[in-house]
Amino acid sequence: MRGLGGIITLLVVIWLVVGAIAAGQRGYFSSTNPDCAGISTLAITVVAGPLNYAGVNPQVDQCDIPEPS
């Protein structure tokens, strides 16, 4: 079991690194607007990982953050 957990961890790390590379190639790290939509697009692109190279282009247009009452 220990070996399987290590392999899964390695695969998750590789997945996220590929997503970060895709986000970097799209310029999201240098030009991300410091608003909810820009940060969400960056995060979703990193999480999408290798799917970015299969044509997935996740975008967040707006965020609805609850306002305190």
N, C-alpha and C. Protein backbone atom coordinates (compact mmCIF):
# COMPACT_ATOMS: atom_id res chain seq x y z
N MET A 1 0.81 -1.21 0.00
CA MET A 1 0.00 0.00 0.00
C MET A 1 0.85 1.27 0.00
N ARG A 2 1.96 1.24 0.69
CA ARG A 2 2.79 2.43 0.77
C ARG A 2 3.31 2.84 -0.60
N GLY A 3 3.67 1.86 -1.42
CA GLY A 3 4.17 2.17 -2.76
C GLY A 3 3.10 2.78 -3.65
N LEU A 4 1.87 2.31 -3.52
CA LEU A 4 0.78 2.84 -4.32
C LEU A 4 0.49 4.29 -3.95
N GLY A 5 0.53 4.61 -2.66
CA GLY A 5 0.32 5.99 -2.22
C GLY A 5 1.39 6.93 -2.76
N GLY A 6 2.62 6.45 -2.80
CA GLY A 6 3.71 7.26 -3.34
C GLY A 6 3.55 7.52 -4.82
N ILE A 7 3.09 6.50 -5.54
CA ILE A 7 2.88 6.65 -6.98
C ILE A 7 1.75 7.64 -7.25
N ILE A 8 0.67 7.53 -6.48
CA ILE A 8 -0.46 8.45 -6.66
C ILE A 8 -0.03 9.88 -6.35
N THR A 9 0.72 10.07 -5.29
CA THR A 9 1.23 11.40 -4.94
C THR A 9 2.10 11.96 -6.05
N LEU A 10 2.97 11.15 -6.59
CA LEU A 10 3.84 11.57 -7.69
C LEU A 10 3.02 11.97 -8.91
N LEU A 11 1.99 11.19 -9.25
CA LEU A 11 1.15 11.50 -10.39
C LEU A 11 0.39 12.81 -10.19
N VAL A 12 -0.10 13.06 -8.97
CA VAL A 12 -0.80 14.31 -8.68
C VAL A 12 0.15 15.50 -8.82
N VAL A 13 1.36 15.35 -8.30
CA VAL A 13 2.34 16.44 -8.40
C VAL A 13 2.69 16.71 -9.86
N ILE A 14 2.90 15.68 -10.64
CA ILE A 14 3.20 15.85 -12.07
C ILE A 14 2.03 16.52 -12.78
N TRP A 15 0.80 16.09 -12.46
CA TRP A 15 -0.42 16.68 -13.05
C TRP A 15 -0.46 18.18 -12.79
N LEU A 16 -0.21 18.59 -11.53
CA LEU A 16 -0.27 20.00 -11.17
C LEU A 16 0.88 20.80 -11.80
N VAL A 17 2.05 20.19 -11.91
CA VAL A 17 3.18 20.87 -12.55
C VAL A 17 2.87 21.13 -14.03
N VAL A 18 2.28 20.15 -14.70
CA VAL A 18 1.91 20.35 -16.11
C VAL A 18 0.87 21.46 -16.22
N GLY A 19 -0.08 21.51 -15.30
CA GLY A 19 -1.07 22.58 -15.29
C GLY A 19 -0.44 23.94 -15.06
N ALA A 20 0.55 24.00 -14.16
CA ALA A 20 1.24 25.26 -13.90
C ALA A 20 2.03 25.71 -15.12
N ILE A 21 2.61 24.76 -15.84
CA ILE A 21 3.33 25.10 -17.07
C ILE A 21 2.36 25.67 -18.10
N ALA A 22 1.18 25.05 -18.23
CA ALA A 22 0.18 25.56 -19.17
C ALA A 22 -0.26 26.97 -18.79
N ALA A 23 -0.48 27.20 -17.51
CA ALA A 23 -0.88 28.54 -17.05
C ALA A 23 0.22 29.55 -17.33
N GLY A 24 1.47 29.15 -17.15
CA GLY A 24 2.59 30.03 -17.44
C GLY A 24 2.69 30.36 -18.92
N GLN A 25 2.45 29.36 -19.77
CA GLN A 25 2.49 29.59 -21.21
C GLN A 25 1.39 30.53 -21.67
N ARG A 26 0.28 30.52 -20.96
CA ARG A 26 -0.83 31.43 -21.30
C ARG A 26 -0.65 32.80 -20.67
N GLY A 27 0.38 32.98 -19.87
CA GLY A 27 0.67 34.27 -19.28
C GLY A 27 -0.17 34.60 -18.06
N TYR A 28 -0.77 33.60 -17.43
CA TYR A 28 -1.65 33.86 -16.29
C TYR A 28 -0.89 34.28 -15.04
N PHE A 29 0.36 33.89 -14.91
CA PHE A 29 1.12 34.27 -13.72
C PHE A 29 1.57 35.72 -13.77
N SER A 30 1.84 36.22 -14.96
CA SER A 30 2.35 37.58 -15.08
C SER A 30 1.25 38.62 -15.29
N SER A 31 0.12 38.21 -15.83
CA SER A 31 -0.90 39.21 -16.14
C SER A 31 -2.25 38.93 -15.49
N THR A 32 -2.27 38.06 -14.49
CA THR A 32 -3.53 37.75 -13.84
C THR A 32 -4.05 38.97 -13.09
N ASN A 33 -5.30 39.32 -13.38
CA ASN A 33 -5.93 40.40 -12.65
C ASN A 33 -6.12 39.94 -11.20
N PRO A 34 -5.87 40.83 -10.27
CA PRO A 34 -6.00 40.42 -8.87
C PRO A 34 -7.46 40.40 -8.41
N ASP A 35 -8.35 39.95 -9.29
CA ASP A 35 -9.75 39.82 -8.91
C ASP A 35 -10.12 38.34 -8.85
N CYS A 36 -11.31 38.09 -8.43
CA CYS A 36 -11.76 36.71 -8.24
C CYS A 36 -11.71 35.90 -9.54
N ALA A 37 -12.15 36.49 -10.64
CA ALA A 37 -12.19 35.77 -11.91
C ALA A 37 -10.79 35.42 -12.41
N GLY A 38 -9.85 36.34 -12.31
CA GLY A 38 -8.48 36.08 -12.77
C GLY A 38 -7.79 35.01 -11.96
N ILE A 39 -7.94 35.09 -10.65
CA ILE A 39 -7.31 34.10 -9.78
C ILE A 39 -7.98 32.74 -9.95
N SER A 40 -9.31 32.72 -10.13
CA SER A 40 -10.02 31.46 -10.34
C SER A 40 -9.62 30.80 -11.65
N THR A 41 -9.46 31.60 -12.71
CA THR A 41 -9.02 31.05 -13.99
C THR A 41 -7.63 30.43 -13.86
N LEU A 42 -6.74 31.11 -13.16
CA LEU A 42 -5.40 30.57 -12.94
C LEU A 42 -5.47 29.25 -12.18
N ALA A 43 -6.25 29.21 -11.10
CA ALA A 43 -6.35 27.99 -10.29
C ALA A 43 -6.96 26.84 -11.08
N ILE A 44 -8.01 27.11 -11.83
CA ILE A 44 -8.66 26.04 -12.60
C ILE A 44 -7.74 25.53 -13.70
N THR A 45 -6.97 26.40 -14.31
CA THR A 45 -6.02 25.98 -15.34
C THR A 45 -4.97 25.06 -14.76
N VAL A 46 -4.46 25.38 -13.57
CA VAL A 46 -3.46 24.52 -12.93
C VAL A 46 -4.08 23.18 -12.58
N VAL A 47 -5.29 23.17 -12.05
CA VAL A 47 -5.94 21.92 -11.66
C VAL A 47 -6.30 21.07 -12.88
N ALA A 48 -6.61 21.71 -14.00
CA ALA A 48 -6.94 20.96 -15.21
C ALA A 48 -5.73 20.20 -15.75
N GLY A 49 -4.54 20.63 -15.41
CA GLY A 49 -3.32 19.91 -15.75
C GLY A 49 -3.17 19.62 -17.23
N PRO A 50 -2.86 18.37 -17.57
CA PRO A 50 -2.62 18.00 -18.97
C PRO A 50 -3.84 18.17 -19.88
N LEU A 51 -5.03 18.29 -19.31
CA LEU A 51 -6.22 18.51 -20.14
C LEU A 51 -6.11 19.81 -20.93
N ASN A 52 -5.30 20.75 -20.44
CA ASN A 52 -5.08 22.00 -21.16
C ASN A 52 -4.52 21.75 -22.55
N TYR A 53 -3.70 20.72 -22.68
CA TYR A 53 -3.09 20.41 -23.97
C TYR A 53 -4.00 19.56 -24.85
N ALA A 54 -5.13 19.15 -24.30
CA ALA A 54 -6.12 18.40 -25.07
C ALA A 54 -7.24 19.33 -25.54
N GLY A 55 -7.05 20.63 -25.39
CA GLY A 55 -8.02 21.59 -25.88
C GLY A 55 -8.90 22.22 -24.82
N VAL A 56 -8.76 21.81 -23.57
CA VAL A 56 -9.55 22.40 -22.50
C VAL A 56 -8.97 23.78 -22.18
N ASN A 57 -9.82 24.78 -22.16
CA ASN A 57 -9.38 26.14 -21.84
C ASN A 57 -10.33 26.73 -20.80
N PRO A 58 -10.16 26.34 -19.53
CA PRO A 58 -11.10 26.81 -18.52
C PRO A 58 -10.97 28.31 -18.29
N GLN A 59 -12.10 28.98 -18.23
CA GLN A 59 -12.16 30.42 -17.99
C GLN A 59 -13.25 30.70 -16.97
N VAL A 60 -13.01 31.64 -16.09
CA VAL A 60 -14.02 32.10 -15.15
C VAL A 60 -14.27 33.56 -15.48
N ASP A 61 -15.50 33.90 -15.83
CA ASP A 61 -15.83 35.27 -16.22
C ASP A 61 -16.17 36.16 -15.03
N GLN A 62 -16.84 35.59 -14.06
CA GLN A 62 -17.18 36.41 -12.90
C GLN A 62 -17.34 35.49 -11.69
N CYS A 63 -17.16 36.07 -10.53
CA CYS A 63 -17.34 35.33 -9.28
C CYS A 63 -18.39 36.02 -8.45
N ASP A 64 -19.18 35.24 -7.81
CA ASP A 64 -20.16 35.78 -6.88
C ASP A 64 -19.74 35.41 -5.47
N ILE A 65 -19.08 36.34 -4.82
CA ILE A 65 -18.63 36.12 -3.45
C ILE A 65 -19.68 36.71 -2.52
N PRO A 66 -20.13 35.91 -1.56
CA PRO A 66 -21.14 36.44 -0.63
C PRO A 66 -20.62 37.63 0.17
N GLU A 67 -21.43 38.65 0.26
CA GLU A 67 -21.07 39.83 1.02
C GLU A 67 -21.50 39.66 2.48
N PRO A 68 -20.70 40.15 3.41
CA PRO A 68 -21.13 40.06 4.81
C PRO A 68 -22.34 40.94 5.06
N SER A 69 -23.18 40.48 5.95
CA SER A 69 -24.40 41.24 6.22
C SER A 69 -24.18 42.35 7.23
